[in-house]
Amino acid sequence: MKPPAFWTSAPAGPGAKIARLLLSPLGAIQTAATANRLKSAGRRVDAAVICVGNLTMGGSGKTPVVAHILDRLTAMDVTAHALSRGYGGRLKGPCQAVPERHTAADTGDEPLLLARHAPVWISRDRAAGAIRAIIDGAEAIVMDDGFQNPALHKDLSLVVIDGETGWGNGRVFPAGPLREPVTTGLSRADAVVVMVTGPEDTPDHDRLGLEDLQKPVLRAWLEPADPPPPGPLVAFAGIGRPEKFFDAIRRQGGDLVDTAGFADHHVYTARDLDRLADLAESHDATLVTTEKDAVRLPAGFREKVWVSVVQARFADAGALDALLQGGMDAAAGRGVKRQAR
């Protein structure tokens, strides 16, 4: 879905105010249901469980952070696997996502990206997926999302937030973009990761309500592997906030002449692809998109598109490593043993 305009924190007209007012009772029901669900004690498994989640509906930069954490754990000599619900895919699992065998229609798009960094398990039942990962040798399980899912006991929980959009209008879905109230969610988090536009960007902690938070707040950004190609560009994206990708291409010096935004996890149809091809031809331009979108494209069309590859970078890499080590230590404290090296 595309987020409605009234989810933002920008001043809104009478229609948006009425929509928020009418939907607020449903937000209260959502809040109560989430709080009741989280009363359940999560299952403790024989691996460290590190959750990377958010408090809003999509678009925070969570998956690149998961990929970076998988790489950091590997560098720490920890056998790490990822665990995903496989949103948008048909497979319920538990099963491993294998790019050579599966498509985004099978597993969803994000697991195929994470599989480039570590084994990824798809499972609607998070506990069942964790057990399969452990049988396969996982010492740490990194959950891509699942912060509001109580199925597993978490040894470390990180909440990722977009430093620009923040918490939107501060209301719970469907009146706003929040999955739960900010204060409630932050009380369960061990640390917050604020995604900014680049290494020089400093987030407004006061606006985000993080000024007095007695927990680590880390700053991170997405760094492109390569600059965009020269010449006119037409960018398209079906992610939480397509405009964020378009702005990034412009900041990198891309000559963006037109854009096409789609809903998050959009399944591209033949009509969509024809429209994009016609748009590029009309501008004599190159099509550009995200890695997440690329895995949802047919192979033949993907060959015609320049894909922007990005990696998460942290301003204080040592602080992240310390948090990860803390998660491993917490698991050891409850009796989880590392494999003999």
C-alpha atoms as a PDB file:
ATOM      1  CA  MET A   1       0.000   0.000   0.000  1.00  0.00           C
ATOM      2  CA  LYS A   2       0.993   3.611  -0.507  1.00  0.00           C
ATOM      3  CA  PRO A   3       0.927   5.584   2.751  1.00  0.00           C
ATOM      4  CA  PRO A   4      -1.865   8.176   2.750  1.00  0.00           C
ATOM      5  CA  ALA A   5      -0.865  11.827   2.955  1.00  0.00           C
ATOM      6  CA  PHE A   6      -2.482  12.280   6.370  1.00  0.00           C
ATOM      7  CA  TRP A   7       0.051   9.869   7.899  1.00  0.00           C
ATOM      8  CA  THR A   8       2.737  12.560   7.672  1.00  0.00           C
ATOM      9  CA  SER A   9       3.548  15.130  10.331  1.00  0.00           C
ATOM     10  CA  ALA A  10       3.046  18.002   7.882  1.00  0.00           C
ATOM     11  CA  PRO A  11       0.158  20.415   8.479  1.00  0.00           C
ATOM     12  CA  ALA A  12      -3.008  18.840   7.156  1.00  0.00           C
ATOM     13  CA  GLY A  13      -6.282  20.165   5.778  1.00  0.00           C
ATOM     14  CA  PRO A  14      -9.777  19.491   7.134  1.00  0.00           C
ATOM     15  CA  GLY A  15     -10.100  16.201   5.223  1.00  0.00           C
ATOM     16  CA  ALA A  16      -6.938  14.758   6.733  1.00  0.00           C
ATOM     17  CA  LYS A  17      -7.946  15.842  10.219  1.00  0.00           C
ATOM     18  CA  ILE A  18     -11.339  14.189   9.824  1.00  0.00           C
ATOM     19  CA  ALA A  19      -9.698  10.964   8.553  1.00  0.00           C
ATOM     20  CA  ARG A  20      -7.379  10.870  11.568  1.00  0.00           C
ATOM     21  CA  LEU A  21     -10.292  11.494  13.935  1.00  0.00           C
ATOM     22  CA  LEU A  22     -12.482   8.804  12.402  1.00  0.00           C
ATOM     23  CA  LEU A  23      -9.688   6.231  12.311  1.00  0.00           C
ATOM     24  CA  SER A  24      -8.324   6.892  15.804  1.00  0.00           C
ATOM     25  CA  PRO A  25     -10.711   4.381  17.477  1.00  0.00           C
ATOM     26  CA  LEU A  26      -9.343   1.670  15.185  1.00  0.00           C
ATOM     27  CA  GLY A  27      -5.835   2.775  16.171  1.00  0.00           C
ATOM     28  CA  ALA A  28      -6.812   2.302  19.825  1.00  0.00           C
ATOM     29  CA  ILE A  29      -7.999  -1.226  19.043  1.00  0.00           C
ATOM     30  CA  GLN A  30      -4.720  -1.945  17.237  1.00  0.00           C
ATOM     31  CA  THR A  31      -2.762  -0.623  20.227  1.00  0.00           C
ATOM     32  CA  ALA A  32      -4.671  -2.816  22.664  1.00  0.00           C
ATOM     33  CA  ALA A  33      -4.346  -5.907  20.443  1.00  0.00           C
ATOM     34  CA  THR A  34      -0.584  -5.435  20.085  1.00  0.00           C
ATOM     35  CA  ALA A  35      -0.140  -4.897  23.835  1.00  0.00           C
ATOM     36  CA  ASN A  36      -2.147  -8.030  24.591  1.00  0.00           C
ATOM     37  CA  ARG A  37      -0.154 -10.092  22.069  1.00  0.00           C
ATOM     38  CA  LEU A  38       3.143  -8.924  23.553  1.00  0.00           C
ATOM     39  CA  LYS A  39       2.192 -10.250  26.987  1.00  0.00           C
ATOM     40  CA  SER A  40       3.172 -13.708  25.738  1.00  0.00           C
ATOM     41  CA  ALA A  41       6.607 -14.899  26.798  1.00  0.00           C
ATOM     42  CA  GLY A  42       8.811 -15.602  23.799  1.00  0.00           C
ATOM     43  CA  ARG A  43      10.323 -19.036  23.310  1.00  0.00           C
ATOM     44  CA  ARG A  44      13.989 -19.220  24.292  1.00  0.00           C
ATOM     45  CA  VAL A  45      16.075 -20.995  21.686  1.00  0.00           C
ATOM     46  CA  ASP A  46      19.687 -22.194  21.631  1.00  0.00           C
ATOM     47  CA  ALA A  47      21.034 -19.216  19.701  1.00  0.00           C
ATOM     48  CA  ALA A  48      21.318 -15.494  20.220  1.00  0.00           C
ATOM     49  CA  VAL A  49      18.249 -13.764  18.753  1.00  0.00           C
ATOM     50  CA  ILE A  50      18.841 -10.263  17.414  1.00  0.00           C
ATOM     51  CA  CYS A  51      15.754  -8.431  16.188  1.00  0.00           C
ATOM     52  CA  VAL A  52      15.910  -5.501  13.775  1.00  0.00           C
ATOM     53  CA  GLY A  53      12.469  -3.932  13.655  1.00  0.00           C
ATOM     54  CA  ASN A  54      10.670  -0.647  13.475  1.00  0.00           C
ATOM     55  CA  LEU A  55       7.655   1.109  14.916  1.00  0.00           C
ATOM     56  CA  THR A  56       6.247   2.329  11.602  1.00  0.00           C
ATOM     57  CA  MET A  57       4.773   0.674   8.532  1.00  0.00           C
ATOM     58  CA  GLY A  58       7.755   0.121   6.216  1.00  0.00           C
ATOM     59  CA  GLY A  59      10.303   2.390   4.595  1.00  0.00           C
ATOM     60  CA  SER A  60      12.850   2.816   7.402  1.00  0.00           C
ATOM     61  CA  GLY A  61      15.905   1.125   5.822  1.00  0.00           C
ATOM     62  CA  LYS A  62      15.658  -1.915   8.052  1.00  0.00           C
ATOM     63  CA  THR A  63      16.731  -4.629   5.587  1.00  0.00           C
ATOM     64  CA  PRO A  64      20.115  -3.040   4.665  1.00  0.00           C
ATOM     65  CA  VAL A  65      20.783  -2.763   8.412  1.00  0.00           C
ATOM     66  CA  VAL A  66      20.044  -6.491   8.790  1.00  0.00           C
ATOM     67  CA  ALA A  67      22.458  -7.254   5.932  1.00  0.00           C
ATOM     68  CA  HIS A  68      25.166  -5.147   7.602  1.00  0.00           C
ATOM     69  CA  ILE A  69      24.623  -6.879  10.938  1.00  0.00           C
ATOM     70  CA  LEU A  70      24.931 -10.291   9.281  1.00  0.00           C
ATOM     71  CA  ASP A  71      28.272  -9.174   7.835  1.00  0.00           C
ATOM     72  CA  ARG A  72      29.467  -7.789  11.186  1.00  0.00           C
ATOM     73  CA  LEU A  73      28.575 -11.008  13.019  1.00  0.00           C
ATOM     74  CA  THR A  74      30.433 -13.019  10.397  1.00  0.00           C
ATOM     75  CA  ALA A  75      33.457 -10.757  10.951  1.00  0.00           C
ATOM     76  CA  MET A  76      33.117 -11.508  14.686  1.00  0.00           C
ATOM     77  CA  ASP A  77      33.392 -15.242  13.843  1.00  0.00           C
ATOM     78  CA  VAL A  78      29.719 -15.841  14.641  1.00  0.00           C
ATOM     79  CA  THR A  79      27.671 -18.134  12.404  1.00  0.00           C
ATOM     80  CA  ALA A  80      24.659 -15.938  11.730  1.00  0.00           C
ATOM     81  CA  HIS A  81      21.452 -16.737   9.841  1.00  0.00           C
ATOM     82  CA  ALA A  82      18.580 -14.396   8.981  1.00  0.00           C
ATOM     83  CA  LEU A  83      14.937 -15.076   9.777  1.00  0.00           C
ATOM     84  CA  SER A  84      12.088 -13.513   7.802  1.00  0.00           C
ATOM     85  CA  ARG A  85       8.345 -13.884   7.565  1.00  0.00           C
ATOM     86  CA  GLY A  86       8.741 -13.702   3.789  1.00  0.00           C
ATOM     87  CA  TYR A  87       6.223 -10.908   3.298  1.00  0.00           C
ATOM     88  CA  GLY A  88       4.726 -10.976  -0.196  1.00  0.00           C
ATOM     89  CA  GLY A  89       5.837 -14.549  -0.901  1.00  0.00           C
ATOM     90  CA  ARG A  90       3.702 -17.682  -1.159  1.00  0.00           C
ATOM     91  CA  LEU A  91       5.937 -19.950   0.956  1.00  0.00           C
ATOM     92  CA  LYS A  92       4.943 -20.283   4.620  1.00  0.00           C
ATOM     93  CA  GLY A  93       8.047 -22.248   5.609  1.00  0.00           C
ATOM     94  CA  PRO A  94      10.051 -23.034   7.468  1.00  0.00           C
ATOM     95  CA  CYS A  95      12.361 -23.274   4.487  1.00  0.00           C
ATOM     96  CA  GLN A  96      15.578 -21.679   3.315  1.00  0.00           C
ATOM     97  CA  ALA A  97      15.446 -18.935   0.680  1.00  0.00           C
ATOM     98  CA  VAL A  98      17.711 -19.909  -2.203  1.00  0.00           C
ATOM     99  CA  PRO A  99      18.112 -17.256  -4.964  1.00  0.00           C
ATOM    100  CA  GLU A 100      19.020 -19.899  -7.549  1.00  0.00           C
ATOM    101  CA  ARG A 101      15.759 -21.720  -6.882  1.00  0.00           C
ATOM    102  CA  HIS A 102      13.297 -19.138  -5.606  1.00  0.00           C
ATOM    103  CA  THR A 103      11.807 -15.913  -6.893  1.00  0.00           C
ATOM    104  CA  ALA A 104      10.291 -12.965  -5.032  1.00  0.00           C
ATOM    105  CA  ALA A 105       6.891 -14.564  -5.644  1.00  0.00           C
ATOM    106  CA  ASP A 106       8.076 -17.504  -3.526  1.00  0.00           C
ATOM    107  CA  THR A 107       9.873 -15.785  -0.666  1.00  0.00           C
ATOM    108  CA  GLY A 108       9.227 -12.065  -0.944  1.00  0.00           C
ATOM    109  CA  ASP A 109      11.925  -9.656  -2.104  1.00  0.00           C
ATOM    110  CA  GLU A 110      13.912  -8.957   1.072  1.00  0.00           C
ATOM    111  CA  PRO A 111      15.005 -12.568   1.802  1.00  0.00           C
ATOM    112  CA  LEU A 112      16.593 -12.817  -1.653  1.00  0.00           C
ATOM    113  CA  LEU A 113      18.691  -9.731  -0.893  1.00  0.00           C
ATOM    114  CA  LEU A 114      19.730 -11.019   2.533  1.00  0.00           C
ATOM    115  CA  ALA A 115      20.677 -14.427   1.068  1.00  0.00           C
ATOM    116  CA  ARG A 116      23.693 -12.693  -0.490  1.00  0.00           C
ATOM    117  CA  HIS A 117      25.058 -12.216   3.029  1.00  0.00           C
ATOM    118  CA  ALA A 118      24.021 -15.323   5.007  1.00  0.00           C
ATOM    119  CA  PRO A 119      21.543 -18.218   5.001  1.00  0.00           C
ATOM    120  CA  VAL A 120      17.965 -16.929   5.248  1.00  0.00           C
ATOM    121  CA  TRP A 121      15.013 -18.835   6.642  1.00  0.00           C
ATOM    122  CA  ILE A 122      11.418 -18.098   5.682  1.00  0.00           C
ATOM    123  CA  SER A 123       8.864 -18.924   8.332  1.00  0.00           C
ATOM    124  CA  ARG A 124       5.494 -17.494   9.275  1.00  0.00           C
ATOM    125  CA  ASP A 125       6.081 -19.374  12.547  1.00  0.00           C
ATOM    126  CA  ARG A 126       9.183 -17.542  13.777  1.00  0.00           C
ATOM    127  CA  ALA A 127      10.024 -20.141  16.430  1.00  0.00           C
ATOM    128  CA  ALA A 128       9.878 -22.992  13.901  1.00  0.00           C
ATOM    129  CA  GLY A 129      12.146 -21.020  11.559  1.00  0.00           C
ATOM    130  CA  ALA A 130      14.621 -20.348  14.358  1.00  0.00           C
ATOM    131  CA  ILE A 131      14.812 -24.035  15.221  1.00  0.00           C
ATOM    132  CA  ARG A 132      15.526 -24.955  11.597  1.00  0.00           C
ATOM    133  CA  ALA A 133      18.290 -22.334  11.503  1.00  0.00           C
ATOM    134  CA  ILE A 134      19.825 -23.722  14.694  1.00  0.00           C
ATOM    135  CA  ILE A 135      19.729 -27.281  13.330  1.00  0.00           C
ATOM    136  CA  ASP A 136      21.620 -25.912  10.327  1.00  0.00           C
ATOM    137  CA  GLY A 137      24.310 -24.472  12.613  1.00  0.00           C
ATOM    138  CA  ALA A 138      23.173 -20.916  13.405  1.00  0.00           C
ATOM    139  CA  GLU A 139      24.723 -19.392  16.530  1.00  0.00           C
ATOM    140  CA  ALA A 140      22.913 -16.091  16.029  1.00  0.00           C
ATOM    141  CA  ILE A 141      19.564 -15.449  14.384  1.00  0.00           C
ATOM    142  CA  VAL A 142      18.952 -11.981  12.979  1.00  0.00           C
ATOM    143  CA  MET A 143      15.261 -11.250  12.576  1.00  0.00           C
ATOM    144  CA  ASP A 144      14.293  -8.948   9.730  1.00  0.00           C
ATOM    145  CA  ASP A 145      11.231  -7.380  11.365  1.00  0.00           C
ATOM    146  CA  GLY A 146       9.274  -9.105  14.120  1.00  0.00           C
ATOM    147  CA  PHE A 147       9.717  -6.477  16.846  1.00  0.00           C
ATOM    148  CA  GLN A 148       5.964  -6.718  17.566  1.00  0.00           C
ATOM    149  CA  ASN A 149       6.013 -10.523  17.275  1.00  0.00           C
ATOM    150  CA  PRO A 150       6.396 -12.260  20.672  1.00  0.00           C
ATOM    151  CA  ALA A 151       7.147 -15.767  19.357  1.00  0.00           C
ATOM    152  CA  LEU A 152      10.859 -15.611  20.227  1.00  0.00           C
ATOM    153  CA  HIS A 153      12.733 -14.295  23.236  1.00  0.00           C
ATOM    154  CA  LYS A 154      15.027 -11.549  21.934  1.00  0.00           C
ATOM    155  CA  ASP A 155      18.546 -11.047  23.266  1.00  0.00           C
ATOM    156  CA  LEU A 156      18.946  -7.730  21.442  1.00  0.00           C
ATOM    157  CA  SER A 157      16.275  -5.526  19.888  1.00  0.00           C
ATOM    158  CA  LEU A 158      17.131  -2.628  17.591  1.00  0.00           C
ATOM    159  CA  VAL A 159      14.503  -0.177  16.363  1.00  0.00           C
ATOM    160  CA  VAL A 160      15.257   1.500  13.021  1.00  0.00           C
ATOM    161  CA  ILE A 161      13.748   4.905  12.244  1.00  0.00           C
ATOM    162  CA  ASP A 162      13.878   7.131   9.177  1.00  0.00           C
ATOM    163  CA  GLY A 163      15.406  10.356  10.472  1.00  0.00           C
ATOM    164  CA  GLU A 164      13.484  12.456   7.953  1.00  0.00           C
ATOM    165  CA  THR A 165       9.926  11.143   8.295  1.00  0.00           C
ATOM    166  CA  GLY A 166      10.286  10.076  11.923  1.00  0.00           C
ATOM    167  CA  TRP A 167       7.101   8.757  13.483  1.00  0.00           C
ATOM    168  CA  GLY A 168       4.827  10.470  10.955  1.00  0.00           C
ATOM    169  CA  ASN A 169       1.758  12.004  12.588  1.00  0.00           C
ATOM    170  CA  GLY A 170       2.402  10.029  15.776  1.00  0.00           C
ATOM    171  CA  ARG A 171      -0.771   7.952  15.530  1.00  0.00           C
ATOM    172  CA  VAL A 172      -1.246   4.190  15.423  1.00  0.00           C
ATOM    173  CA  PHE A 173      -2.422   2.427  12.244  1.00  0.00           C
ATOM    174  CA  PRO A 174      -4.762   3.064  10.483  1.00  0.00           C
ATOM    175  CA  ALA A 175      -4.921   6.656  11.788  1.00  0.00           C
ATOM    176  CA  GLY A 176      -1.153   6.912  11.262  1.00  0.00           C
ATOM    177  CA  PRO A 177       1.913   4.863  10.332  1.00  0.00           C
ATOM    178  CA  LEU A 178       2.746   3.523  13.809  1.00  0.00           C
ATOM    179  CA  ARG A 179       2.469  -0.152  14.676  1.00  0.00           C
ATOM    180  CA  GLU A 180       2.326   0.760  18.356  1.00  0.00           C
ATOM    181  CA  PRO A 181       2.817   3.933  20.443  1.00  0.00           C
ATOM    182  CA  VAL A 182       6.370   5.277  20.301  1.00  0.00           C
ATOM    183  CA  THR A 183       6.928   5.314  24.069  1.00  0.00           C
ATOM    184  CA  THR A 184       5.726   1.707  24.379  1.00  0.00           C
ATOM    185  CA  GLY A 185       7.942   0.485  21.564  1.00  0.00           C
ATOM    186  CA  LEU A 186      11.061   2.338  22.685  1.00  0.00           C
ATOM    187  CA  SER A 187      10.650   0.942  26.194  1.00  0.00           C
ATOM    188  CA  ARG A 188      11.281  -2.565  24.782  1.00  0.00           C
ATOM    189  CA  ALA A 189      14.153  -1.569  22.498  1.00  0.00           C
ATOM    190  CA  ASP A 190      17.794  -1.943  23.508  1.00  0.00           C
ATOM    191  CA  ALA A 191      18.946   0.719  21.053  1.00  0.00           C
ATOM    192  CA  VAL A 192      17.704   2.918  18.207  1.00  0.00           C
ATOM    193  CA  VAL A 193      19.237   3.258  14.741  1.00  0.00           C
ATOM    194  CA  VAL A 194      18.397   6.562  13.032  1.00  0.00           C
ATOM    195  CA  MET A 195      18.786   6.393   9.248  1.00  0.00           C
ATOM    196  CA  VAL A 196      20.005   9.696   7.784  1.00  0.00           C
ATOM    197  CA  THR A 197      20.801  10.807   4.236  1.00  0.00           C
ATOM    198  CA  GLY A 198      24.585  10.688   4.575  1.00  0.00           C
ATOM    199  CA  PRO A 199      27.588  10.933   6.901  1.00  0.00           C
ATOM    200  CA  GLU A 200      27.188  14.721   7.253  1.00  0.00           C
ATOM    201  CA  ASP A 201      23.498  14.557   8.184  1.00  0.00           C
ATOM    202  CA  THR A 202      22.658  14.924  11.879  1.00  0.00           C
ATOM    203  CA  PRO A 203      19.186  13.812  13.028  1.00  0.00           C
ATOM    204  CA  ASP A 204      16.969  16.025  15.162  1.00  0.00           C
ATOM    205  CA  HIS A 205      16.813  13.918  18.323  1.00  0.00           C
ATOM    206  CA  ASP A 206      14.447  16.347  20.007  1.00  0.00           C
ATOM    207  CA  ARG A 207      11.897  16.139  17.156  1.00  0.00           C
ATOM    208  CA  LEU A 208      12.180  12.350  17.204  1.00  0.00           C
ATOM    209  CA  GLY A 209      11.691  12.188  20.964  1.00  0.00           C
ATOM    210  CA  LEU A 210      15.139  10.681  21.495  1.00  0.00           C
ATOM    211  CA  GLU A 211      16.811  13.569  23.315  1.00  0.00           C
ATOM    212  CA  ASP A 212      16.315  12.085  26.784  1.00  0.00           C
ATOM    213  CA  LEU A 213      16.252   8.413  25.808  1.00  0.00           C
ATOM    214  CA  GLN A 214      18.516   6.513  28.171  1.00  0.00           C
ATOM    215  CA  LYS A 215      19.546   4.033  25.507  1.00  0.00           C
ATOM    216  CA  PRO A 216      22.126   4.052  22.715  1.00  0.00           C
ATOM    217  CA  VAL A 217      21.090   5.992  19.596  1.00  0.00           C
ATOM    218  CA  LEU A 218      23.187   5.114  16.545  1.00  0.00           C
ATOM    219  CA  ARG A 219      23.365   7.049  13.281  1.00  0.00           C
ATOM    220  CA  ALA A 220      23.533   5.198   9.972  1.00  0.00           C
ATOM    221  CA  TRP A 221      22.985   5.827   6.256  1.00  0.00           C
ATOM    222  CA  LEU A 222      22.827   3.970   2.950  1.00  0.00           C
ATOM    223  CA  GLU A 223      25.981   4.289   0.873  1.00  0.00           C
ATOM    224  CA  PRO A 224      25.860   3.516  -2.871  1.00  0.00           C
ATOM    225  CA  ALA A 225      28.398   1.092  -4.278  1.00  0.00           C
ATOM    226  CA  ASP A 226      28.631   3.063  -7.552  1.00  0.00           C
ATOM    227  CA  PRO A 227      27.435   6.434  -8.871  1.00  0.00           C
ATOM    228  CA  PRO A 228      24.442   6.429 -11.217  1.00  0.00           C
ATOM    229  CA  PRO A 229      25.195   6.151 -14.941  1.00  0.00           C
ATOM    230  CA  PRO A 230      25.643   9.317 -17.018  1.00  0.00           C
ATOM    231  CA  GLY A 231      22.879  10.758 -19.151  1.00  0.00           C
ATOM    232  CA  PRO A 232      19.130  11.121 -18.579  1.00  0.00           C
ATOM    233  CA  LEU A 233      17.632   8.742 -16.006  1.00  0.00           C
ATOM    234  CA  VAL A 234      14.121   7.523 -15.242  1.00  0.00           C
ATOM    235  CA  ALA A 235      13.908   6.113 -11.720  1.00  0.00           C
ATOM    236  CA  PHE A 236      11.189   3.777 -10.486  1.00  0.00           C
ATOM    237  CA  ALA A 237      10.677   2.090  -7.127  1.00  0.00           C
ATOM    238  CA  GLY A 238       8.090   0.081  -5.231  1.00  0.00           C
ATOM    239  CA  ILE A 239       9.360   0.601  -1.697  1.00  0.00           C
ATOM    240  CA  GLY A 240       8.026   2.232   1.465  1.00  0.00           C
ATOM    241  CA  ARG A 241       9.063   5.717   0.320  1.00  0.00           C
ATOM    242  CA  PRO A 242       9.985   5.865  -3.386  1.00  0.00           C
ATOM    243  CA  GLU A 243      10.793   9.581  -3.060  1.00  0.00           C
ATOM    244  CA  LYS A 244      13.642   8.690  -0.715  1.00  0.00           C
ATOM    245  CA  PHE A 245      15.279   6.665  -3.498  1.00  0.00           C
ATOM    246  CA  PHE A 246      14.673   9.380  -6.081  1.00  0.00           C
ATOM    247  CA  ASP A 247      16.237  12.008  -3.809  1.00  0.00           C
ATOM    248  CA  ALA A 248      19.249   9.743  -3.244  1.00  0.00           C
ATOM    249  CA  ILE A 249      19.833   9.426  -7.000  1.00  0.00           C
ATOM    250  CA  ARG A 250      19.732  13.217  -7.308  1.00  0.00           C
ATOM    251  CA  ARG A 251      22.183  13.665  -4.413  1.00  0.00           C
ATOM    252  CA  GLN A 252      24.551  11.250  -6.148  1.00  0.00           C
ATOM    253  CA  GLY A 253      24.550  13.477  -9.226  1.00  0.00           C
ATOM    254  CA  GLY A 254      22.092  11.534 -11.369  1.00  0.00           C
ATOM    255  CA  ASP A 255      20.295  13.427 -14.134  1.00  0.00           C
ATOM    256  CA  LEU A 256      16.794  12.389 -13.097  1.00  0.00           C
ATOM    257  CA  VAL A 257      14.286  13.440 -15.760  1.00  0.00           C
ATOM    258  CA  ASP A 258      11.254  11.448 -14.603  1.00  0.00           C
ATOM    259  CA  THR A 259      10.119   9.065 -11.871  1.00  0.00           C
ATOM    260  CA  ALA A 260       7.501   6.389 -11.247  1.00  0.00           C
ATOM    261  CA  GLY A 261       6.548   5.390  -7.706  1.00  0.00           C
ATOM    262  CA  PHE A 262       4.716   2.213  -6.744  1.00  0.00           C
ATOM    263  CA  ALA A 263       3.461   0.720  -3.490  1.00  0.00           C
ATOM    264  CA  ASP A 264       5.872  -1.196  -1.252  1.00  0.00           C
ATOM    265  CA  HIS A 265       6.534  -4.769  -2.508  1.00  0.00           C
ATOM    266  CA  HIS A 266       4.669  -3.943  -5.750  1.00  0.00           C
ATOM    267  CA  VAL A 267       4.388  -6.871  -8.166  1.00  0.00           C
ATOM    268  CA  TYR A 268       5.279  -5.513 -11.597  1.00  0.00           C
ATOM    269  CA  THR A 269       2.857  -6.442 -14.376  1.00  0.00           C
ATOM    270  CA  ALA A 270       3.547  -6.567 -18.107  1.00  0.00           C
ATOM    271  CA  ARG A 271       1.598  -3.311 -18.384  1.00  0.00           C
ATOM    272  CA  ASP A 272       3.842  -1.671 -15.764  1.00  0.00           C
ATOM    273  CA  LEU A 273       6.965  -2.776 -17.621  1.00  0.00           C
ATOM    274  CA  ASP A 274       5.652  -1.518 -20.952  1.00  0.00           C
ATOM    275  CA  ARG A 275       4.851   1.825 -19.351  1.00  0.00           C
ATOM    276  CA  LEU A 276       8.324   2.104 -17.851  1.00  0.00           C
ATOM    277  CA  ALA A 277       9.994   1.159 -21.123  1.00  0.00           C
ATOM    278  CA  ASP A 278       7.907   3.762 -22.985  1.00  0.00           C
ATOM    279  CA  LEU A 279       8.737   6.393 -20.358  1.00  0.00           C
ATOM    280  CA  ALA A 280      12.461   5.740 -20.718  1.00  0.00           C
ATOM    281  CA  GLU A 281      12.226   5.769 -24.510  1.00  0.00           C
ATOM    282  CA  SER A 282      10.357   9.083 -24.523  1.00  0.00           C
ATOM    283  CA  HIS A 283      13.231  10.683 -22.598  1.00  0.00           C
ATOM    284  CA  ASP A 284      15.973   8.665 -24.327  1.00  0.00           C
ATOM    285  CA  ALA A 285      16.889   7.696 -20.761  1.00  0.00           C
ATOM    286  CA  THR A 286      18.221   4.779 -18.743  1.00  0.00           C
ATOM    287  CA  LEU A 287      15.895   3.096 -16.256  1.00  0.00           C
ATOM    288  CA  VAL A 288      17.214   2.905 -12.675  1.00  0.00           C
ATOM    289  CA  THR A 289      15.771   1.137  -9.648  1.00  0.00           C
ATOM    290  CA  THR A 290      16.586  -0.377  -6.245  1.00  0.00           C
ATOM    291  CA  GLU A 291      17.974  -3.828  -5.459  1.00  0.00           C
ATOM    292  CA  LYS A 292      14.700  -4.637  -3.755  1.00  0.00           C
ATOM    293  CA  ASP A 293      12.756  -3.835  -6.918  1.00  0.00           C
ATOM    294  CA  ALA A 294      15.247  -5.615  -9.169  1.00  0.00           C
ATOM    295  CA  VAL A 295      14.529  -9.035  -7.643  1.00  0.00           C
ATOM    296  CA  ARG A 296      10.853  -8.548  -8.541  1.00  0.00           C
ATOM    297  CA  LEU A 297      11.584  -7.910 -12.211  1.00  0.00           C
ATOM    298  CA  PRO A 298      11.650 -10.570 -14.952  1.00  0.00           C
ATOM    299  CA  ALA A 299      15.234 -11.418 -15.861  1.00  0.00           C
ATOM    300  CA  GLY A 300      14.914 -10.092 -19.399  1.00  0.00           C
ATOM    301  CA  PHE A 301      13.654  -6.699 -18.258  1.00  0.00           C
ATOM    302  CA  ARG A 302      16.153  -6.533 -15.384  1.00  0.00           C
ATOM    303  CA  GLU A 303      19.005  -6.604 -17.901  1.00  0.00           C
ATOM    304  CA  LYS A 304      17.790  -3.256 -19.274  1.00  0.00           C
ATOM    305  CA  VAL A 305      17.803  -1.527 -15.872  1.00  0.00           C
ATOM    306  CA  TRP A 306      20.659  -0.041 -13.850  1.00  0.00           C
ATOM    307  CA  VAL A 307      20.329  -1.259 -10.268  1.00  0.00           C
ATOM    308  CA  SER A 308      21.428   0.945  -7.387  1.00  0.00           C
ATOM    309  CA  VAL A 309      23.330  -1.223  -4.897  1.00  0.00           C
ATOM    310  CA  VAL A 310      23.581   0.274  -1.398  1.00  0.00           C
ATOM    311  CA  GLN A 311      25.115  -0.746   1.911  1.00  0.00           C
ATOM    312  CA  ALA A 312      24.339   0.460   5.415  1.00  0.00           C
ATOM    313  CA  ARG A 313      27.143   2.398   7.083  1.00  0.00           C
ATOM    314  CA  PHE A 314      27.305   3.359  10.756  1.00  0.00           C
ATOM    315  CA  ALA A 315      28.857   6.549  12.110  1.00  0.00           C
ATOM    316  CA  ASP A 316      30.107   4.578  15.130  1.00  0.00           C
ATOM    317  CA  ALA A 317      30.832   1.038  13.973  1.00  0.00           C
ATOM    318  CA  GLY A 318      32.352   0.199  17.343  1.00  0.00           C
ATOM    319  CA  ALA A 319      29.087   1.031  19.121  1.00  0.00           C
ATOM    320  CA  LEU A 320      27.203  -1.384  16.869  1.00  0.00           C
ATOM    321  CA  ASP A 321      29.759  -4.142  17.460  1.00  0.00           C
ATOM    322  CA  ALA A 322      29.456  -3.576  21.215  1.00  0.00           C
ATOM    323  CA  LEU A 323      25.677  -3.977  21.020  1.00  0.00           C
ATOM    324  CA  LEU A 324      26.019  -7.179  18.984  1.00  0.00           C
ATOM    325  CA  GLN A 325      28.543  -8.557  21.456  1.00  0.00           C
ATOM    326  CA  GLY A 326      26.117  -7.660  24.233  1.00  0.00           C
ATOM    327  CA  GLY A 327      23.435  -9.689  22.508  1.00  0.00           C
ATOM    328  CA  MET A 328      25.783 -12.661  22.215  1.00  0.00           C
ATOM    329  CA  ASP A 329      26.728 -12.286  25.890  1.00  0.00           C
ATOM    330  CA  ALA A 330      23.047 -12.138  26.907  1.00  0.00           C
ATOM    331  CA  ALA A 331      22.439 -15.425  25.099  1.00  0.00           C
ATOM    332  CA  ALA A 332      25.487 -16.969  26.785  1.00  0.00           C
ATOM    333  CA  GLY A 333      24.122 -15.780  30.133  1.00  0.00           C
ATOM    334  CA  ARG A 334      20.982 -17.846  29.620  1.00  0.00           C
ATOM    335  CA  GLY A 335      23.025 -20.942  28.742  1.00  0.00           C
ATOM    336  CA  VAL A 336      23.445 -20.726  24.965  1.00  0.00           C
ATOM    337  CA  LYS A 337      26.799 -22.229  24.017  1.00  0.00           C
ATOM    338  CA  ARG A 338      28.864 -21.324  20.977  1.00  0.00           C
ATOM    339  CA  GLN A 339      30.086 -24.055  18.652  1.00  0.00           C
ATOM    340  CA  ALA A 340      33.616 -25.268  19.209  1.00  0.00           C
ATOM    341  CA  ARG A 341      36.024 -23.683  16.733  1.00  0.00           C
END
